[in-house]
Amino acid sequence: MLDGRICCFRHMGKESGMKHRINIRGVMVPNDYKWYYDYFGEDCTCPKDVQQVMDAFMEGDEIEVYINSPGGVIDVGSEIYTLLRSRKDSVKIYITGEAWLPWLHTVRCLPRR
C-alpha cells in the first residue's frame, strides 16, 4: 500500500500519453528492511515501492520523479536507477530537498532529454 512516500498522480498529458509523478522520500533501504522503518513510522523507500507504482504506467507515459532523500544503501539506488532506465518513456528527475548517495549517481547517469 502506498502511504504518501511514493505516490502517482495521473492527469491528461499530450497525445503521447499520461503524465505521472513519483515522490521518493526518506532513506533508501532494501525491500527486506522496509518493515522496520514502517513499524517506527520513519520515511523510507525501497525498490519494490517504485516498481509497484511503475507497474501502473503504460508505454508512452511521461514520468517525473521528485527526490528528497538523505541517502541510504547504494545498491538500492542502483536498483531504482535500473528500474527508471528500463522505461523507454521520458523520465525527468527533480531534487526537492536533499539528495545524497545513491541519488547523485542516479541523477548523473540518466540521459538528458
C-alpha atoms as a PDB file:
ATOM      1  CA  MET A   1       0.000   0.000   0.000  1.00  0.00           C
ATOM      2  CA  LEU A   2       1.317   3.415  -0.930  1.00  0.00           C
ATOM      3  CA  ASP A   3       1.356   5.765   2.010  1.00  0.00           C
ATOM      4  CA  GLY A   4       2.359   9.122   0.580  1.00  0.00           C
ATOM      5  CA  ARG A   5       6.083   8.464   0.479  1.00  0.00           C
ATOM      6  CA  ILE A   6       5.729   7.339  -3.095  1.00  0.00           C
ATOM      7  CA  CYS A   7       2.632   8.295  -4.984  1.00  0.00           C
ATOM      8  CA  CYS A   8       1.403   8.562  -8.517  1.00  0.00           C
ATOM      9  CA  PHE A   9      -0.756  11.381  -9.795  1.00  0.00           C
ATOM     10  CA  ARG A  10      -2.382  10.888 -13.175  1.00  0.00           C
ATOM     11  CA  HIS A  11      -3.634  13.674 -15.345  1.00  0.00           C
ATOM     12  CA  MET A  12      -4.138  14.107 -19.042  1.00  0.00           C
ATOM     13  CA  GLY A  13      -0.951  14.862 -20.885  1.00  0.00           C
ATOM     14  CA  LYS A  14      -0.187  15.331 -24.531  1.00  0.00           C
ATOM     15  CA  GLU A  15      -1.386  12.879 -27.145  1.00  0.00           C
ATOM     16  CA  SER A  16       1.609  10.627 -26.392  1.00  0.00           C
ATOM     17  CA  GLY A  17       0.256   9.526 -23.033  1.00  0.00           C
ATOM     18  CA  MET A  18      -0.267  10.355 -19.398  1.00  0.00           C
ATOM     19  CA  LYS A  19       1.972  12.283 -17.032  1.00  0.00           C
ATOM     20  CA  HIS A  20       2.909  10.585 -13.747  1.00  0.00           C
ATOM     21  CA  ARG A  21       4.677  11.849 -10.651  1.00  0.00           C
ATOM     22  CA  ILE A  22       6.662   9.677  -8.243  1.00  0.00           C
ATOM     23  CA  ASN A  23       7.597  11.211  -4.877  1.00  0.00           C
ATOM     24  CA  ILE A  24      10.564   9.498  -3.239  1.00  0.00           C
ATOM     25  CA  ARG A  25      11.203  10.420   0.384  1.00  0.00           C
ATOM     26  CA  GLY A  26      13.334   9.089   3.209  1.00  0.00           C
ATOM     27  CA  VAL A  27      16.238   6.688   3.422  1.00  0.00           C
ATOM     28  CA  MET A  28      16.856   4.202   0.616  1.00  0.00           C
ATOM     29  CA  VAL A  29      16.564   0.707   2.092  1.00  0.00           C
ATOM     30  CA  PRO A  30      16.448  -2.860   0.748  1.00  0.00           C
ATOM     31  CA  ASN A  31      12.989  -4.421   0.377  1.00  0.00           C
ATOM     32  CA  ASP A  32      13.635  -6.686   3.385  1.00  0.00           C
ATOM     33  CA  TYR A  33      14.305  -3.740   5.726  1.00  0.00           C
ATOM     34  CA  LYS A  34      11.249  -1.626   4.875  1.00  0.00           C
ATOM     35  CA  TRP A  35       9.063  -3.208   7.569  1.00  0.00           C
ATOM     36  CA  TYR A  36      11.417  -1.896  10.258  1.00  0.00           C
ATOM     37  CA  TYR A  37      11.135   1.720   9.105  1.00  0.00           C
ATOM     38  CA  ASP A  38       7.386   1.396   8.637  1.00  0.00           C
ATOM     39  CA  TYR A  39       6.996  -0.029  12.148  1.00  0.00           C
ATOM     40  CA  PHE A  40       8.643   3.051  13.663  1.00  0.00           C
ATOM     41  CA  GLY A  41       6.906   5.452  11.281  1.00  0.00           C
ATOM     42  CA  GLU A  42      10.123   6.554   9.568  1.00  0.00           C
ATOM     43  CA  ASP A  43      10.193   7.645   5.940  1.00  0.00           C
ATOM     44  CA  CYS A  44      11.955   5.209   3.628  1.00  0.00           C
ATOM     45  CA  THR A  45      11.794   3.986   0.058  1.00  0.00           C
ATOM     46  CA  CYS A  46      12.657   0.578  -1.347  1.00  0.00           C
ATOM     47  CA  PRO A  47      12.805  -0.691  -4.948  1.00  0.00           C
ATOM     48  CA  LYS A  48       9.568  -2.650  -4.501  1.00  0.00           C
ATOM     49  CA  ASP A  49       7.720   0.632  -3.762  1.00  0.00           C
ATOM     50  CA  VAL A  50       8.925   2.188  -7.002  1.00  0.00           C
ATOM     51  CA  GLN A  51       8.191  -0.978  -9.001  1.00  0.00           C
ATOM     52  CA  GLN A  52       4.591  -1.074  -7.712  1.00  0.00           C
ATOM     53  CA  VAL A  53       3.998   2.481  -8.887  1.00  0.00           C
ATOM     54  CA  MET A  54       5.690   1.933 -12.246  1.00  0.00           C
ATOM     55  CA  ASP A  55       3.629  -1.193 -12.924  1.00  0.00           C
ATOM     56  CA  ALA A  56       0.606   1.092 -13.385  1.00  0.00           C
ATOM     57  CA  PHE A  57       2.288   3.064 -16.172  1.00  0.00           C
ATOM     58  CA  MET A  58       1.678   2.460 -19.850  1.00  0.00           C
ATOM     59  CA  GLU A  59       4.149   2.845 -22.689  1.00  0.00           C
ATOM     60  CA  GLY A  60       4.407   6.429 -23.871  1.00  0.00           C
ATOM     61  CA  ASP A  61       3.660   7.954 -20.471  1.00  0.00           C
ATOM     62  CA  GLU A  62       5.807  10.758 -19.068  1.00  0.00           C
ATOM     63  CA  ILE A  63       7.365  10.159 -15.641  1.00  0.00           C
ATOM     64  CA  GLU A  64       8.508  12.850 -13.196  1.00  0.00           C
ATOM     65  CA  VAL A  65      10.490  11.704 -10.145  1.00  0.00           C
ATOM     66  CA  TYR A  66      10.748  14.092  -7.178  1.00  0.00           C
ATOM     67  CA  ILE A  67      13.514  13.139  -4.732  1.00  0.00           C
ATOM     68  CA  ASN A  68      14.075  14.260  -1.153  1.00  0.00           C
ATOM     69  CA  SER A  69      16.313  11.615   0.386  1.00  0.00           C
ATOM     70  CA  PRO A  70      19.240  11.773   2.794  1.00  0.00           C
ATOM     71  CA  GLY A  71      20.740   8.710   1.074  1.00  0.00           C
ATOM     72  CA  GLY A  72      20.919   5.077   2.026  1.00  0.00           C
ATOM     73  CA  VAL A  73      22.192   1.849   0.550  1.00  0.00           C
ATOM     74  CA  ILE A  74      23.975   2.447  -2.781  1.00  0.00           C
ATOM     75  CA  ASP A  75      22.749  -0.899  -4.177  1.00  0.00           C
ATOM     76  CA  VAL A  76      19.154   0.217  -3.622  1.00  0.00           C
ATOM     77  CA  GLY A  77      19.773   3.444  -5.537  1.00  0.00           C
ATOM     78  CA  SER A  78      21.330   1.438  -8.339  1.00  0.00           C
ATOM     79  CA  GLU A  79      18.315  -0.884  -8.475  1.00  0.00           C
ATOM     80  CA  ILE A  80      15.872   2.048  -8.641  1.00  0.00           C
ATOM     81  CA  TYR A  81      18.072   3.654 -11.296  1.00  0.00           C
ATOM     82  CA  THR A  82      17.837   0.437 -13.333  1.00  0.00           C
ATOM     83  CA  LEU A  83      14.039   0.446 -12.962  1.00  0.00           C
ATOM     84  CA  LEU A  84      13.854   4.014 -14.265  1.00  0.00           C
ATOM     85  CA  ARG A  85      16.275   3.308 -17.130  1.00  0.00           C
ATOM     86  CA  SER A  86      14.256   0.272 -18.197  1.00  0.00           C
ATOM     87  CA  ARG A  87      11.434   2.596 -19.246  1.00  0.00           C
ATOM     88  CA  LYS A  88      11.504   3.894 -22.796  1.00  0.00           C
ATOM     89  CA  ASP A  89       9.325   6.772 -21.683  1.00  0.00           C
ATOM     90  CA  SER A  90      10.534  10.228 -20.761  1.00  0.00           C
ATOM     91  CA  VAL A  91      11.859  10.248 -17.175  1.00  0.00           C
ATOM     92  CA  LYS A  92      12.612  13.602 -15.532  1.00  0.00           C
ATOM     93  CA  ILE A  93      14.310  13.825 -12.127  1.00  0.00           C
ATOM     94  CA  TYR A  94      13.791  16.760  -9.742  1.00  0.00           C
ATOM     95  CA  ILE A  95      15.588  17.171  -6.422  1.00  0.00           C
ATOM     96  CA  THR A  96      13.255  18.950  -3.989  1.00  0.00           C
ATOM     97  CA  GLY A  97      15.401  18.854  -0.853  1.00  0.00           C
ATOM     98  CA  GLU A  98      18.468  16.816  -0.215  1.00  0.00           C
ATOM     99  CA  ALA A  99      19.731  14.048  -2.451  1.00  0.00           C
ATOM    100  CA  TRP A 100      22.815  12.208  -1.314  1.00  0.00           C
ATOM    101  CA  LEU A 101      24.221   8.921  -2.436  1.00  0.00           C
ATOM    102  CA  PRO A 102      22.757   6.895  -4.082  1.00  0.00           C
ATOM    103  CA  TRP A 103      20.722   9.625  -5.829  1.00  0.00           C
ATOM    104  CA  LEU A 104      23.697  11.617  -7.073  1.00  0.00           C
ATOM    105  CA  HIS A 105      24.683   8.565  -9.104  1.00  0.00           C
ATOM    106  CA  THR A 106      21.131   8.152 -10.415  1.00  0.00           C
ATOM    107  CA  VAL A 107      20.691  11.761 -11.500  1.00  0.00           C
ATOM    108  CA  ARG A 108      24.142  11.939 -13.063  1.00  0.00           C
ATOM    109  CA  CYS A 109      23.655   8.769 -15.125  1.00  0.00           C
ATOM    110  CA  LEU A 110      20.180   9.368 -16.562  1.00  0.00           C
ATOM    111  CA  PRO A 111      20.347  10.744 -20.110  1.00  0.00           C
ATOM    112  CA  ARG A 112      19.214  14.292 -20.659  1.00  0.00           C
ATOM    113  CA  ARG A 113      16.080  14.516 -22.813  1.00  0.00           C
END
